C-alpha atoms as a PDB file:
ATOM      1  CA  MET A   1     135.264 112.283 110.665  1.00  0.00           C
ATOM      2  CA  LYS A   2     137.430 114.015 108.117  1.00  0.00           C
ATOM      3  CA  ASN A   3     137.101 112.878 104.536  1.00  0.00           C
ATOM      4  CA  SER A   4     133.949 110.861 105.199  1.00  0.00           C
ATOM      5  CA  TYR A   5     130.192 111.256 105.115  1.00  0.00           C
ATOM      6  CA  ILE A   6     126.952 109.488 106.037  1.00  0.00           C
ATOM      7  CA  GLN A   7     124.573 108.398 103.275  1.00  0.00           C
ATOM      8  CA  PHE A   8     120.921 107.668 103.994  1.00  0.00           C
ATOM      9  CA  ILE A   9     119.899 104.539 102.099  1.00  0.00           C
ATOM     10  CA  ARG A  10     116.577 104.652 100.303  1.00  0.00           C
ATOM     11  CA  LYS A  11     114.649 101.486  99.608  1.00  0.00           C
ATOM     12  CA  GLU A  12     115.517 101.899  95.912  1.00  0.00           C
ATOM     13  CA  ASP A  13     119.195 101.546  96.855  1.00  0.00           C
ATOM     14  CA  LEU A  14     118.720  98.053  98.317  1.00  0.00           C
ATOM     15  CA  ASN A  15     118.931  96.323  94.956  1.00  0.00           C
ATOM     16  CA  THR A  16     120.918  98.854  92.964  1.00  0.00           C
ATOM     17  CA  ASP A  17     123.803 100.063  95.169  1.00  0.00           C
ATOM     18  CA  VAL A  18     126.668  97.570  95.354  1.00  0.00           C
ATOM     19  CA  CYS A  19     127.973  99.295  98.518  1.00  0.00           C
ATOM     20  CA  VAL A  20     124.683  98.532 100.279  1.00  0.00           C
ATOM     21  CA  SER A  21     124.835  94.875  99.253  1.00  0.00           C
ATOM     22  CA  MET A  22     128.467  94.651 100.322  1.00  0.00           C
ATOM     23  CA  MET A  23     127.888  96.070 103.813  1.00  0.00           C
ATOM     24  CA  ILE A  24     124.725  94.016 104.468  1.00  0.00           C
ATOM     25  CA  SER A  25     126.536  90.878 103.289  1.00  0.00           C
ATOM     26  CA  MET A  26     129.570  91.673 105.441  1.00  0.00           C
ATOM     27  CA  TYR A  27     127.427  92.041 108.552  1.00  0.00           C
ATOM     28  CA  PHE A  28     125.020  89.125 108.082  1.00  0.00           C
ATOM     29  CA  GLY A  29     127.360  86.908 106.095  1.00  0.00           C
ATOM     30  CA  ILE A  30     130.623  87.242 108.031  1.00  0.00           C
ATOM     31  CA  GLU A  31     130.331  89.194 111.292  1.00  0.00           C
ATOM     32  CA  MET A  32     127.343  87.380 112.770  1.00  0.00           C
ATOM     33  CA  GLN A  33     128.774  83.980 111.961  1.00  0.00           C
ATOM     34  CA  SER A  34     131.975  84.759 113.871  1.00  0.00           C
ATOM     35  CA  ALA A  35     130.315  86.746 116.692  1.00  0.00           C
ATOM     36  CA  LEU A  36     127.286  84.537 117.366  1.00  0.00           C
ATOM     37  CA  GLN A  37     127.895  81.395 115.277  1.00  0.00           C
ATOM     38  CA  TRP A  38     124.694  81.944 113.327  1.00  0.00           C
ATOM     39  CA  SER A  39     123.963  79.205 110.806  1.00  0.00           C
ATOM     40  CA  ASN A  40     123.878  80.005 107.089  1.00  0.00           C
ATOM     41  CA  GLU A  41     120.104  79.637 107.140  1.00  0.00           C
ATOM     42  CA  HIS A  42     119.694  81.988 110.122  1.00  0.00           C
ATOM     43  CA  ARG A  43     122.037  84.610 108.624  1.00  0.00           C
ATOM     44  CA  TYR A  44     120.163  84.518 105.300  1.00  0.00           C
ATOM     45  CA  THR A  45     116.791  84.818 107.051  1.00  0.00           C
ATOM     46  CA  GLU A  46     118.009  87.805 109.107  1.00  0.00           C
ATOM     47  CA  LEU A  47     119.478  89.444 105.988  1.00  0.00           C
ATOM     48  CA  ILE A  48     116.158  89.106 104.149  1.00  0.00           C
ATOM     49  CA  LYS A  49     114.256  90.393 107.212  1.00  0.00           C
ATOM     50  CA  ALA A  50     116.489  93.496 107.354  1.00  0.00           C
ATOM     51  CA  GLN A  51     115.928  94.164 103.664  1.00  0.00           C
ATOM     52  CA  VAL A  52     112.146  93.778 104.074  1.00  0.00           C
ATOM     53  CA  MET A  53     112.160  96.128 107.078  1.00  0.00           C
ATOM     54  CA  ILE A  54     114.065  98.785 105.095  1.00  0.00           C
ATOM     55  CA  ASP A  55     111.941  98.265 101.985  1.00  0.00           C
ATOM     56  CA  GLN A  56     108.730  98.726 103.990  1.00  0.00           C
ATOM     57  CA  GLY A  57     110.041 101.806 105.794  1.00  0.00           C
ATOM     58  CA  LYS A  58     110.094 100.129 109.223  1.00  0.00           C
ATOM     59  CA  SER A  59     113.891 100.353 109.485  1.00  0.00           C
ATOM     60  CA  GLU A  60     116.449 102.816 108.174  1.00  0.00           C
ATOM     61  CA  MET A  61     119.979 102.222 106.984  1.00  0.00           C
ATOM     62  CA  LEU A  62     122.902 104.612 106.966  1.00  0.00           C
ATOM     63  CA  LEU A  63     126.260 104.015 105.280  1.00  0.00           C
ATOM     64  CA  ALA A  64     129.505 105.667 106.296  1.00  0.00           C
ATOM     65  CA  LYS A  65     131.679 106.311 103.268  1.00  0.00           C
ATOM     66  CA  LEU A  66     135.006 107.926 102.544  1.00  0.00           C
ATOM     67  CA  ASP A  67     134.836 110.948 100.252  1.00  0.00           C
ATOM     68  CA  SER A  68     136.102 108.617  97.506  1.00  0.00           C
ATOM     69  CA  GLY A  69     132.839 106.642  97.851  1.00  0.00           C
ATOM     70  CA  THR A  70     134.444 103.653  99.571  1.00  0.00           C
ATOM     71  CA  PRO A  71     131.956 102.148 102.054  1.00  0.00           C
ATOM     72  CA  ILE A  72     133.448 101.784 105.533  1.00  0.00           C
ATOM     73  CA  GLY A  73     130.488 101.122 107.817  1.00  0.00           C
ATOM     74  CA  MET A  74     126.762 100.645 108.173  1.00  0.00           C
ATOM     75  CA  ILE A  75     124.029 100.948 110.760  1.00  0.00           C
ATOM     76  CA  ILE A  76     120.448  99.684 110.502  1.00  0.00           C
ATOM     77  CA  TYR A  77     117.952 100.828 113.121  1.00  0.00           C
ATOM     78  CA  THR A  78     114.239 100.530 113.835  1.00  0.00           C
ATOM     79  CA  GLU A  79     112.013 103.026 115.624  1.00  0.00           C
ATOM     80  CA  ALA A  80     110.097 101.613 118.603  1.00  0.00           C
ATOM     81  CA  ASP A  81     106.343 101.650 118.127  1.00  0.00           C
ATOM     82  CA  ASP A  82     105.521 103.230 121.468  1.00  0.00           C
ATOM     83  CA  MET A  83     108.580 105.156 122.727  1.00  0.00           C
ATOM     84  CA  PRO A  84     111.206 107.578 121.395  1.00  0.00           C
ATOM     85  CA  VAL A  85     113.812 104.817 121.145  1.00  0.00           C
ATOM     86  CA  ARG A  86     115.689 103.392 118.180  1.00  0.00           C
ATOM     87  CA  ARG A  87     116.846  99.806 118.244  1.00  0.00           C
ATOM     88  CA  ILE A  88     120.125  99.115 116.485  1.00  0.00           C
ATOM     89  CA  ASP A  89     119.595  96.035 114.345  1.00  0.00           C
ATOM     90  CA  ALA A  90     123.037  95.999 112.731  1.00  0.00           C
ATOM     91  CA  LEU A  91     126.226  98.026 113.143  1.00  0.00           C
ATOM     92  CA  ILE A  92     129.496  97.290 111.430  1.00  0.00           C
ATOM     93  CA  VAL A  93     132.672  99.100 110.510  1.00  0.00           C
ATOM     94  CA  ALA A  94     135.074  97.370 108.113  1.00  0.00           C
ATOM     95  CA  ARG A  95     137.992  95.955 110.115  1.00  0.00           C
ATOM     96  CA  ARG A  96     140.679  98.147 108.600  1.00  0.00           C
ATOM     97  CA  PHE A  97     138.738 101.298 109.554  1.00  0.00           C
ATOM     98  CA  ARG A  98     137.939 100.334 113.160  1.00  0.00           C
ATOM     99  CA  GLY A  99     139.290 102.480 115.960  1.00  0.00           C
ATOM    100  CA  ASN A 100     138.971 105.704 113.961  1.00  0.00           C
ATOM    101  CA  GLY A 101     135.591 106.922 115.242  1.00  0.00           C
ATOM    102  CA  PHE A 102     133.431 105.734 112.339  1.00  0.00           C
ATOM    103  CA  GLY A 103     131.254 103.531 114.571  1.00  0.00           C
ATOM    104  CA  ARG A 104     130.685 106.474 116.908  1.00  0.00           C
ATOM    105  CA  MET A 105     129.835 108.647 113.888  1.00  0.00           C
ATOM    106  CA  LEU A 106     127.209 106.112 112.780  1.00  0.00           C
ATOM    107  CA  LEU A 107     125.769 105.928 116.321  1.00  0.00           C
ATOM    108  CA  ARG A 108     125.420 109.716 116.517  1.00  0.00           C
ATOM    109  CA  ALA A 109     123.754 109.859 113.112  1.00  0.00           C
ATOM    110  CA  ALA A 110     121.257 107.134 114.059  1.00  0.00           C
ATOM    111  CA  LYS A 111     120.594 108.484 117.548  1.00  0.00           C
ATOM    112  CA  GLY A 112     119.351 111.949 116.678  1.00  0.00           C
ATOM    113  CA  ASP A 113     117.231 113.010 119.661  1.00  0.00           C
ATOM    114  CA  ARG A 114     116.358 109.415 120.642  1.00  0.00           C
ATOM    115  CA  ASP A 115     117.730 106.881 123.052  1.00  0.00           C
ATOM    116  CA  LEU A 116     119.244 103.756 121.549  1.00  0.00           C
ATOM    117  CA  HIS A 117     118.710 100.082 122.340  1.00  0.00           C
ATOM    118  CA  THR A 118     120.536  97.002 121.049  1.00  0.00           C
ATOM    119  CA  PHE A 119     121.398  93.372 121.585  1.00  0.00           C
ATOM    120  CA  ALA A 120     125.190  93.362 121.404  1.00  0.00           C
ATOM    121  CA  PRO A 121     127.430  90.346 120.911  1.00  0.00           C
ATOM    122  CA  SER A 122     129.694  89.913 123.939  1.00  0.00           C
ATOM    123  CA  ILE A 123     132.762  91.004 121.959  1.00  0.00           C
ATOM    124  CA  ALA A 124     131.155  94.436 121.383  1.00  0.00           C
ATOM    125  CA  VAL A 125     129.861  95.158 124.913  1.00  0.00           C
ATOM    126  CA  ASN A 126     132.900  97.203 126.039  1.00  0.00           C
ATOM    127  CA  TRP A 127     132.690  99.346 122.911  1.00  0.00           C
ATOM    128  CA  TYR A 128     129.011 100.059 123.536  1.00  0.00           C
ATOM    129  CA  VAL A 129     129.687 100.940 127.192  1.00  0.00           C
ATOM    130  CA  LYS A 130     132.408 103.390 126.083  1.00  0.00           C
ATOM    131  CA  ASN A 131     129.791 104.956 123.819  1.00  0.00           C
ATOM    132  CA  GLY A 132     127.169 105.616 126.491  1.00  0.00           C
ATOM    133  CA  PHE A 133     125.270 102.330 126.713  1.00  0.00           C
ATOM    134  CA  ARG A 134     124.583 100.343 129.849  1.00  0.00           C
ATOM    135  CA  GLU A 135     123.950  96.631 130.172  1.00  0.00           C
ATOM    136  CA  LEU A 136     120.448  95.372 130.906  1.00  0.00           C
ATOM    137  CA  ASP A 137     120.252  91.572 130.554  1.00  0.00           C
ATOM    138  CA  LYS A 138     122.157  88.670 129.080  1.00  0.00           C
ATOM    139  CA  GLN A 139     120.033  86.919 126.463  1.00  0.00           C
ATOM    140  CA  PRO A 140     119.773  83.164 125.804  1.00  0.00           C
ATOM    141  CA  ASN A 141     121.308  83.660 122.335  1.00  0.00           C
ATOM    142  CA  GLY A 142     124.519  85.046 123.871  1.00  0.00           C
ATOM    143  CA  THR A 143     123.855  88.727 123.237  1.00  0.00           C
ATOM    144  CA  ILE A 144     123.663  91.422 125.900  1.00  0.00           C
ATOM    145  CA  GLU A 145     120.658  93.756 125.892  1.00  0.00           C
ATOM    146  CA  MET A 146     121.921  97.351 126.166  1.00  0.00           C
ATOM    147  CA  THR A 147     120.493 100.883 126.092  1.00  0.00           C
ATOM    148  CA  THR A 148     121.383 104.551 126.413  1.00  0.00           C
ATOM    149  CA  ALA A 149     118.061 105.223 128.181  1.00  0.00           C
ATOM    150  CA  ALA A 150     118.097 106.084 131.875  1.00  0.00           C
ATOM    151  CA  ASP A 151     115.113 103.853 132.642  1.00  0.00           C
ATOM    152  CA  ASN A 152     114.571 100.195 131.898  1.00  0.00           C
ATOM    153  CA  LEU A 153     112.424  99.919 128.830  1.00  0.00           C
ATOM    154  CA  ASP A 154     109.620  97.666 127.731  1.00  0.00           C
ATOM    155  CA  LEU A 155     109.768  98.254 123.995  1.00  0.00           C
ATOM    156  CA  ASN A 156     107.398  97.116 121.286  1.00  0.00           C
ATOM    157  CA  PHE A 157     108.482  96.647 117.695  1.00  0.00           C
ATOM    158  CA  ASN A 158     106.337  95.414 114.820  1.00  0.00           C
ATOM    159  CA  TYR A 159     108.196  93.130 112.439  1.00  0.00           C
ATOM    160  CA  PRO A 160     106.969  92.345 108.969  1.00  0.00           C
ATOM    161  CA  LEU A 161     108.017  88.767 108.379  1.00  0.00           C
ATOM    162  CA  PRO A 162     109.768  88.050 105.101  1.00  0.00           C
ATOM    163  CA  VAL A 163     107.806  86.155 102.508  1.00  0.00           C
ATOM    164  CA  PHE A 164     110.232  83.878 100.720  1.00  0.00           C
ATOM    165  CA  ASP A 165     109.889  83.385  97.001  1.00  0.00           C
ATOM    166  CA  GLN A 166     110.990  80.230  95.163  1.00  0.00           C
ATOM    167  CA  VAL A 167     114.564  81.508  94.801  1.00  0.00           C
ATOM    168  CA  ASP A 168     114.825  82.185  98.549  1.00  0.00           C
ATOM    169  CA  LEU A 169     113.399  78.769  99.366  1.00  0.00           C
ATOM    170  CA  GLN A 170     115.917  77.095  97.056  1.00  0.00           C
ATOM    171  CA  ILE A 171     118.767  79.031  98.689  1.00  0.00           C
ATOM    172  CA  LEU A 172     117.564  77.936 102.131  1.00  0.00           C
ATOM    173  CA  ARG A 173     117.398  74.297 100.952  1.00  0.00           C
ATOM    174  CA  ASN A 174     120.939  74.589  99.598  1.00  0.00           C
ATOM    175  CA  PHE A 175     122.136  75.987 102.942  1.00  0.00           C
ATOM    176  CA  LYS A 176     120.599  73.051 104.788  1.00  0.00           C
ATOM    177  CA  GLN A 177     122.352  70.610 102.456  1.00  0.00           C
ATOM    178  CA  MET A 178     125.720  72.354 103.020  1.00  0.00           C
ATOM    179  CA  GLN A 179     125.519  72.074 106.809  1.00  0.00           C
END
């Protein structure tokens, strides 16, 4: 897209780049609550898991930005352990920039020479289909499993589980009290 670029996020950027924090918070804090009604506790746990995955090099994050540096979108993806497939863990474009091809730009950047796989919220299924995905199965959590691969896949992904420190545990306790 004109006047925009893709930035690869290094693990050092996770705690130092406000744009990274903003996009991760927008996805896990706002989008997933409205799309899948995730609880505060679940959203926080998923946010921490994504940060751990990026920090340990298991997942990669790309930001779409305007030339001015304004963040407009993000994609987080994880390489399958046993196949040339990347699973999309998170994809978001800020509402005011939707419909301008930025999501497609992020998909292309993440895809490279791999097929893609995701679990899409129902509100995003048509968009994914328009961008080359096909539906596989409806999941119990309300998402739809989708892929760009021609064959059905049996993928394996290793997940490092987050280890919560005292601050994280206190935040989780506060979330439980708020609900």
